Amino acid sequence: MVTSRHIITILFLLPTLLFGQSREELTATQIVDSSLLFCGGEMRISKIESSRINYLLIQPDRTTAIINDQLKTGKKYVQCILSKTNSPQTTFFNEEKISRVDGSSIIHIADLQSKEEVKLKTYNQIQYAYKQLKYLLTRLPDQKFKNFDCFVVKAKADNGYATINFFDKTNFRLLMVAYPNGNKSALIDYVFKDSVLFNSQIVNTFSNSKDLQILKLQTIDLNVDISDIWFNCPYSDKVYVPEYIKIGKFSSTNGEATTFNRTEISMDYTDDKGNIDLKRFLTWGIISPDTFSLIDEQAFKDNDKSSSSQILVRVVSWDKNGYVCQWITDKYTDTQDYKLIK
């Protein structure tokens, strides 16, 4: 607690100490620099080369989903959304093209706004993105809300894409981002991971709507090895899973060591000697062509059809050597990479 108080005090005095001027005279760049210092500093932030983050998504109708964000800083990004009640979605960006998969639909995107938005998402801290992408920063008139007094900064890309950013005057924390389409993200709470700030609760609002979408942080993994398969959309015009992925023998290449043989109706998990130590029955196409449901053998025998007895798996992407997937239960979630054993 003492450390936190000292940090806030130092940040409060930072404009005078570093820039030798009053808070009213701060430039937009100085405000963003101060915000980055509150986030842990550019040196620490620059050392994050990749990340894997899971959020619980609470929709306006109170249904839930898991959002999995993975990125290679400043280069590639993928977002996967998986739910037992709604169509799964994925946004792929591999440095060259953006593709979005929604259930069985595929859209390949080329408009400037979407491209700029996804480029910003290749960074965990949007303030850092503005600097790395050389956005033009302009200070706008301050705004005072019920609970916060804010510096306001406009960040504009060369192509005209622009956001409006609201920073808490007491510590320079970024509180809200307003996007060109009228949507807004309010950054409610935060945590520090490896001494770098990450938003732990985000509330999204939408133009011409009173609906709220809430994201709650679940897990963060930094500087992890992420296969390029994750960032490449395997589809051109149709969502499908090839037969050699549907049926075959696979072993995990990250996370928990797992080997199994998948048939049309089951996945048989084997030990080091090749003996089956767990059987799960599967059904493809539960909510989309690239998803399947798993149920343990005992639950199958007991005719337990409850949601809690099932694992929902989605094949996110694949190539000739294997596939990557996201899975959820009622309580847990993770991602996994698998290689095909030929």
Protein backbone atom coordinates (compact mmCIF):
# COMPACT_ATOMS: atom_id res chain seq x y z
CA MET A 1 0.00 0.00 0.00
CA VAL A 2 2.85 2.38 0.78
CA THR A 3 4.33 1.80 -2.68
CA SER A 4 1.01 2.61 -4.35
CA ARG A 5 0.68 5.89 -2.46
CA HIS A 6 4.23 6.91 -3.38
CA ILE A 7 3.57 6.11 -7.05
CA ILE A 8 0.42 8.22 -7.12
CA THR A 9 2.15 11.10 -5.36
CA ILE A 10 5.06 11.07 -7.79
CA LEU A 11 2.67 10.99 -10.75
CA PHE A 12 0.66 13.87 -9.34
CA LEU A 13 3.80 15.99 -9.26
CA LEU A 14 5.18 14.63 -12.50
CA PRO A 15 4.14 17.48 -14.86
CA THR A 16 5.92 20.09 -12.76
CA LEU A 17 8.97 17.92 -12.15
CA LEU A 18 9.48 16.67 -15.69
CA PHE A 19 8.04 19.39 -17.82
CA GLY A 20 8.50 22.45 -15.60
CA GLN A 21 4.99 23.80 -16.27
CA SER A 22 1.52 23.79 -14.76
CA ARG A 23 -1.07 21.10 -15.50
CA GLU A 24 -3.10 23.56 -17.56
CA GLU A 25 -0.13 24.04 -19.91
CA LEU A 26 0.54 20.35 -20.54
CA THR A 27 0.61 19.28 -24.18
CA ALA A 28 -1.27 16.24 -25.48
CA THR A 29 2.02 14.35 -25.84
CA GLN A 30 2.97 15.11 -22.23
CA ILE A 31 -0.41 13.84 -21.01
CA VAL A 32 -0.03 10.58 -22.96
CA ASP A 33 3.57 10.18 -21.71
CA SER A 34 2.37 10.67 -18.13
CA SER A 35 -0.37 8.09 -18.68
CA LEU A 36 2.19 5.59 -19.96
CA LEU A 37 4.29 6.20 -16.87
CA PHE A 38 1.27 5.35 -14.71
CA CYS A 39 0.85 2.16 -16.79
CA GLY A 40 4.36 1.03 -15.85
CA GLY A 41 6.51 3.03 -18.25
CA GLU A 42 7.41 2.57 -21.89
CA MET A 43 10.48 0.48 -21.09
CA ARG A 44 8.45 -2.21 -19.31
CA ILE A 45 5.64 -2.04 -21.87
CA SER A 46 8.10 -2.39 -24.77
CA LYS A 47 9.36 -5.69 -23.33
CA ILE A 48 5.96 -7.35 -23.85
CA GLU A 49 6.29 -9.09 -27.21
CA SER A 50 3.12 -11.18 -27.03
CA SER A 51 0.09 -11.73 -24.82
CA ARG A 52 -2.86 -14.06 -24.32
CA ILE A 53 -5.79 -12.61 -22.36
CA ASN A 54 -9.21 -14.04 -21.48
CA TYR A 55 -12.25 -11.94 -20.58
CA LEU A 56 -15.72 -12.91 -19.44
CA LEU A 57 -18.15 -11.07 -21.73
CA ILE A 58 -21.57 -10.17 -20.32
CA GLN A 59 -24.01 -9.19 -23.05
CA PRO A 60 -26.92 -6.74 -22.67
CA ASP A 61 -29.35 -9.69 -22.44
CA ARG A 62 -27.14 -11.15 -19.63
CA THR A 63 -25.91 -14.07 -21.72
CA THR A 64 -22.19 -14.68 -21.39
CA ALA A 65 -19.25 -15.64 -23.57
CA ILE A 66 -15.48 -15.93 -23.29
CA ILE A 67 -13.28 -13.54 -25.26
CA ASN A 68 -9.76 -14.73 -25.98
CA ASP A 69 -7.39 -12.02 -27.25
CA GLN A 70 -3.95 -12.99 -28.54
CA LEU A 71 -1.40 -10.70 -30.12
CA LYS A 72 2.17 -10.27 -31.24
CA THR A 73 2.83 -6.69 -30.26
CA GLY A 74 2.50 -4.27 -33.17
CA LYS A 75 2.18 -7.10 -35.68
CA LYS A 76 -0.63 -9.64 -35.39
CA TYR A 77 -3.92 -10.03 -33.56
CA VAL A 78 -6.71 -12.57 -33.15
CA GLN A 79 -9.87 -12.34 -31.08
CA CYS A 80 -12.03 -15.42 -30.48
CA ILE A 81 -15.46 -15.26 -28.85
CA LEU A 82 -17.06 -18.52 -27.74
CA SER A 83 -20.41 -19.08 -26.03
CA LYS A 84 -22.79 -21.97 -25.49
CA THR A 85 -25.74 -19.77 -26.48
CA ASN A 86 -24.54 -17.56 -29.35
CA SER A 87 -22.65 -17.97 -32.62
CA PRO A 88 -18.86 -17.99 -32.22
CA GLN A 89 -16.86 -15.13 -33.71
CA THR A 90 -13.23 -14.63 -34.68
CA THR A 91 -11.32 -11.63 -36.00
CA PHE A 92 -8.00 -12.51 -37.68
CA PHE A 93 -5.23 -10.06 -38.52
CA ASN A 94 -1.91 -11.41 -39.84
CA GLU A 95 -0.26 -8.06 -40.70
CA GLU A 96 -1.73 -8.14 -44.20
CA LYS A 97 -5.47 -8.81 -44.14
CA ILE A 98 -8.42 -8.80 -41.76
CA SER A 99 -10.97 -11.60 -41.79
CA ARG A 100 -13.99 -12.04 -39.56
CA VAL A 101 -15.84 -15.30 -39.01
CA ASP A 102 -19.31 -15.15 -37.46
CA GLY A 103 -20.85 -18.60 -37.14
CA SER A 104 -20.81 -19.91 -40.69
CA SER A 105 -20.27 -16.50 -42.33
CA ILE A 106 -16.94 -15.06 -43.48
CA ILE A 107 -16.12 -11.43 -44.23
CA HIS A 108 -12.78 -10.24 -45.59
CA ILE A 109 -12.39 -6.60 -44.59
CA ALA A 110 -10.53 -3.83 -46.37
CA ASP A 111 -12.05 -0.55 -45.10
CA LEU A 112 -9.67 1.92 -43.47
CA GLN A 113 -11.55 2.24 -40.16
CA SER A 114 -11.53 -1.50 -39.45
CA LYS A 115 -7.88 -1.76 -40.42
CA GLU A 116 -6.91 1.08 -38.10
CA GLU A 117 -8.95 -0.37 -35.24
CA VAL A 118 -7.29 -3.75 -35.53
CA LYS A 119 -3.82 -2.18 -35.78
CA LEU A 120 -4.51 -0.48 -32.44
CA LYS A 121 -5.52 -3.86 -31.01
CA THR A 122 -2.05 -5.26 -31.70
CA TYR A 123 -1.01 -3.30 -28.60
CA ASN A 124 -2.17 -3.92 -25.03
CA GLN A 125 -2.05 -0.23 -24.11
CA ILE A 126 -3.72 2.05 -26.66
CA GLN A 127 -1.61 5.03 -25.50
CA TYR A 128 1.51 3.07 -26.46
CA ALA A 129 -0.09 2.27 -29.82
CA TYR A 130 -0.65 5.96 -30.52
CA LYS A 131 3.05 6.65 -30.07
CA GLN A 132 4.29 3.61 -31.98
CA LEU A 133 1.93 4.29 -34.90
CA LYS A 134 2.81 8.00 -34.86
CA TYR A 135 -0.69 9.31 -34.27
CA LEU A 136 -1.09 13.08 -34.17
CA LEU A 137 -2.01 14.01 -30.58
CA THR A 138 -4.03 17.16 -29.93
CA ARG A 139 -5.23 18.45 -26.58
CA LEU A 140 -8.93 19.37 -26.45
CA PRO A 141 -10.79 21.32 -23.73
CA ASP A 142 -10.86 19.51 -20.38
CA GLN A 143 -14.11 17.84 -19.33
CA LYS A 144 -15.50 17.34 -15.86
CA PHE A 145 -17.82 14.44 -15.06
CA LYS A 146 -19.64 13.55 -11.86
CA ASN A 147 -16.72 11.60 -10.39
CA PHE A 148 -13.78 12.59 -12.59
CA ASP A 149 -12.03 15.67 -13.91
CA CYS A 150 -10.37 14.78 -17.21
CA PHE A 151 -7.72 15.85 -19.66
CA VAL A 152 -9.01 15.21 -23.18
CA VAL A 153 -6.74 14.20 -26.05
CA LYS A 154 -7.60 13.54 -29.68
CA ALA A 155 -5.45 10.88 -31.37
CA LYS A 156 -5.50 10.92 -35.18
CA ALA A 157 -3.91 8.56 -37.71
CA ASP A 158 -2.56 9.70 -41.07
CA ASN A 159 -5.64 8.26 -42.81
CA GLY A 160 -8.00 10.43 -40.73
CA TYR A 161 -9.13 7.78 -38.23
CA ALA A 162 -9.40 9.47 -34.81
CA THR A 163 -10.30 8.66 -31.21
CA ILE A 164 -11.06 10.92 -28.25
CA ASN A 165 -9.34 9.92 -25.00
CA PHE A 166 -10.20 10.97 -21.45
CA PHE A 167 -7.47 10.90 -18.77
CA ASP A 168 -7.96 11.23 -15.01
CA LYS A 169 -6.29 14.46 -13.87
CA THR A 170 -5.23 12.93 -10.56
CA ASN A 171 -3.03 10.15 -11.95
CA PHE A 172 -3.27 10.32 -15.78
CA ARG A 173 -5.01 6.94 -16.02
CA LEU A 174 -6.97 6.54 -19.25
CA LEU A 175 -10.63 6.36 -18.25
CA MET A 176 -12.51 6.28 -21.54
CA VAL A 177 -12.00 6.05 -25.30
CA ALA A 178 -14.57 7.35 -27.79
CA TYR A 179 -14.37 5.88 -31.30
CA PRO A 180 -15.31 7.43 -34.67
CA ASN A 181 -18.52 5.39 -34.93
CA GLY A 182 -19.83 6.79 -31.65
CA ASN A 183 -19.09 3.71 -29.53
CA LYS A 184 -17.23 4.17 -26.25
CA SER A 185 -15.14 2.03 -23.91
CA ALA A 186 -15.12 3.02 -20.22
CA LEU A 187 -12.10 1.56 -18.40
CA ILE A 188 -13.53 0.90 -14.95
CA ASP A 189 -10.82 -0.99 -13.10
CA TYR A 190 -7.31 -2.31 -13.60
CA VAL A 191 -4.60 -4.65 -12.33
CA PHE A 192 -0.85 -4.77 -12.74
CA LYS A 193 0.83 -7.76 -14.35
CA ASP A 194 4.64 -7.75 -14.36
CA SER A 195 4.38 -4.10 -13.23
CA VAL A 196 2.33 -3.13 -16.32
CA LEU A 197 -1.28 -1.96 -16.17
CA PHE A 198 -4.05 -4.02 -17.76
CA ASN A 199 -7.73 -3.13 -17.69
CA SER A 200 -9.66 -5.62 -15.57
CA GLN A 201 -13.18 -4.29 -16.17
CA ILE A 202 -14.37 -2.56 -19.32
CA VAL A 203 -17.86 -1.29 -20.12
CA ASN A 204 -18.67 -0.77 -23.79
CA THR A 205 -21.51 1.47 -24.92
CA PHE A 206 -22.92 1.82 -28.41
CA SER A 207 -24.10 4.81 -30.43
CA ASN A 208 -27.89 5.23 -30.54
CA SER A 209 -28.35 2.54 -27.88
CA LYS A 210 -28.59 2.29 -24.09
CA ASP A 211 -27.19 -1.25 -24.08
CA LEU A 212 -24.08 -2.02 -22.04
CA GLN A 213 -21.53 -4.73 -22.72
CA ILE A 214 -19.25 -5.67 -19.81
CA LEU A 215 -15.83 -7.36 -19.99
CA LYS A 216 -14.24 -8.82 -16.86
CA LEU A 217 -10.63 -9.96 -16.92
CA GLN A 218 -10.06 -13.67 -16.27
CA THR A 219 -6.42 -14.48 -17.09
CA ILE A 220 -3.29 -12.83 -18.53
CA ASP A 221 -0.22 -14.56 -19.98
CA LEU A 222 2.65 -12.42 -21.25
CA ASN A 223 5.53 -13.18 -23.61
CA VAL A 224 4.06 -16.54 -24.54
CA ASP A 225 4.93 -18.48 -27.68
CA ILE A 226 1.94 -18.10 -30.02
CA SER A 227 1.81 -20.11 -33.23
CA ASP A 228 1.21 -18.12 -36.43
CA ILE A 229 -1.69 -20.48 -37.19
CA TRP A 230 -3.77 -18.43 -34.74
CA PHE A 231 -3.54 -15.31 -36.88
CA ASN A 232 -4.31 -16.86 -40.27
CA CYS A 233 -7.91 -17.31 -41.36
CA PRO A 234 -8.08 -20.74 -43.03
CA TYR A 235 -11.28 -19.94 -44.95
CA SER A 236 -11.92 -18.10 -48.18
CA ASP A 237 -15.71 -18.34 -48.53
CA LYS A 238 -16.94 -21.27 -46.43
CA VAL A 239 -16.47 -22.35 -42.80
CA TYR A 240 -15.54 -26.02 -42.58
CA VAL A 241 -13.13 -28.39 -40.88
CA PRO A 242 -11.17 -30.77 -43.15
CA GLU A 243 -11.55 -34.50 -42.60
CA TYR A 244 -7.92 -34.96 -41.52
CA ILE A 245 -8.63 -32.61 -38.60
CA LYS A 246 -11.99 -34.18 -37.78
CA ILE A 247 -10.54 -37.69 -37.68
CA GLY A 248 -6.97 -38.53 -36.70
CA LYS A 249 -4.39 -38.81 -33.94
CA PHE A 250 -3.16 -35.62 -32.28
CA SER A 251 -0.87 -34.45 -29.50
CA SER A 252 -0.71 -31.06 -27.80
CA THR A 253 2.21 -28.73 -28.49
CA ASN A 254 1.53 -26.36 -25.59
CA GLY A 255 -0.25 -26.40 -22.25
CA GLU A 256 -1.09 -29.73 -20.65
CA ALA A 257 0.48 -32.71 -22.42
CA THR A 258 -2.33 -34.58 -24.18
CA THR A 259 -2.51 -37.27 -26.86
CA PHE A 260 -5.75 -38.61 -28.30
CA ASN A 261 -7.28 -40.39 -31.26
CA ARG A 262 -10.40 -38.74 -32.65
CA THR A 263 -12.99 -40.81 -34.50
CA GLU A 264 -16.39 -39.82 -35.85
CA ILE A 265 -18.01 -40.31 -32.44
CA SER A 266 -15.34 -40.06 -29.75
CA MET A 267 -11.95 -38.86 -28.55
CA ASP A 268 -9.85 -41.54 -26.86
CA TYR A 269 -7.08 -40.09 -24.67
CA THR A 270 -4.03 -42.28 -24.28
CA ASP A 271 -1.16 -42.52 -21.82
CA ASP A 272 2.56 -42.84 -22.61
CA LYS A 273 2.10 -46.53 -23.43
CA GLY A 274 -0.80 -45.95 -25.79
CA ASN A 275 -3.46 -47.25 -23.42
CA ILE A 276 -6.82 -45.46 -23.34
CA ASP A 277 -7.25 -43.72 -19.97
CA LEU A 278 -10.20 -41.47 -20.85
CA LYS A 279 -12.98 -41.55 -23.44
CA ARG A 280 -15.16 -38.63 -24.41
CA PHE A 281 -18.01 -38.77 -26.91
CA LEU A 282 -18.33 -35.95 -29.41
CA THR A 283 -20.88 -34.31 -31.67
CA TRP A 284 -19.89 -31.90 -34.45
CA GLY A 285 -21.75 -28.80 -35.58
CA ILE A 286 -23.33 -27.88 -32.26
CA ILE A 287 -23.55 -24.11 -32.89
CA SER A 288 -21.42 -23.76 -36.04
CA PRO A 289 -19.61 -26.03 -38.52
CA ASP A 290 -16.28 -25.62 -36.68
CA THR A 291 -17.49 -26.53 -33.17
CA PHE A 292 -18.02 -29.82 -31.40
CA SER A 293 -19.27 -30.87 -27.99
CA LEU A 294 -17.51 -33.34 -25.71
CA ILE A 295 -19.07 -35.35 -22.90
CA ASP A 296 -17.28 -37.79 -20.59
CA GLU A 297 -18.08 -41.48 -20.97
CA GLN A 298 -19.67 -41.72 -17.50
CA ALA A 299 -21.90 -38.68 -18.09
CA PHE A 300 -22.93 -40.25 -21.41
CA LYS A 301 -23.85 -43.51 -19.67
CA ASP A 302 -25.81 -41.55 -17.04
CA ASN A 303 -27.62 -39.66 -19.83
CA ASP A 304 -26.46 -36.41 -18.23
CA LYS A 305 -27.32 -33.74 -20.79
CA SER A 306 -26.72 -30.77 -18.49
CA SER A 307 -24.54 -27.90 -19.66
CA SER A 308 -22.10 -28.51 -16.81
CA SER A 309 -21.26 -31.98 -18.14
CA GLN A 310 -20.20 -30.71 -21.57
CA ILE A 311 -17.10 -29.12 -23.07
CA LEU A 312 -17.60 -26.89 -26.10
CA VAL A 313 -14.62 -26.84 -28.46
CA ARG A 314 -14.07 -24.65 -31.47
CA VAL A 315 -11.44 -25.26 -34.13
CA VAL A 316 -10.27 -21.68 -34.70
CA SER A 317 -7.67 -22.30 -37.40
CA TRP A 318 -5.70 -25.10 -39.00
CA ASP A 319 -3.04 -26.00 -41.55
CA LYS A 320 -1.62 -29.24 -42.95
CA ASN A 321 0.24 -29.99 -39.70
CA GLY A 322 -2.48 -29.49 -37.10
CA TYR A 323 -4.95 -27.05 -35.58
CA VAL A 324 -5.56 -24.59 -32.75
CA CYS A 325 -8.72 -24.41 -30.68
CA GLN A 326 -10.59 -22.59 -27.93
CA TRP A 327 -12.69 -24.47 -25.39
CA ILE A 328 -15.09 -23.60 -22.60
CA THR A 329 -17.04 -25.33 -19.84
CA ASP A 330 -19.47 -23.68 -17.46
CA LYS A 331 -16.52 -22.79 -15.20
CA TYR A 332 -13.26 -23.00 -17.18
CA THR A 333 -11.71 -21.94 -20.46
CA ASP A 334 -8.42 -22.24 -22.30
CA THR A 335 -6.81 -22.50 -25.72
CA GLN A 336 -4.75 -25.38 -27.05
CA ASP A 337 -2.51 -26.16 -30.03
CA TYR A 338 -2.37 -29.66 -31.51
CA LYS A 339 -0.17 -31.33 -34.08
CA LEU A 340 -1.30 -34.13 -36.34
CA ILE A 341 0.49 -37.43 -35.74
CA LYS A 342 0.92 -38.95 -39.19
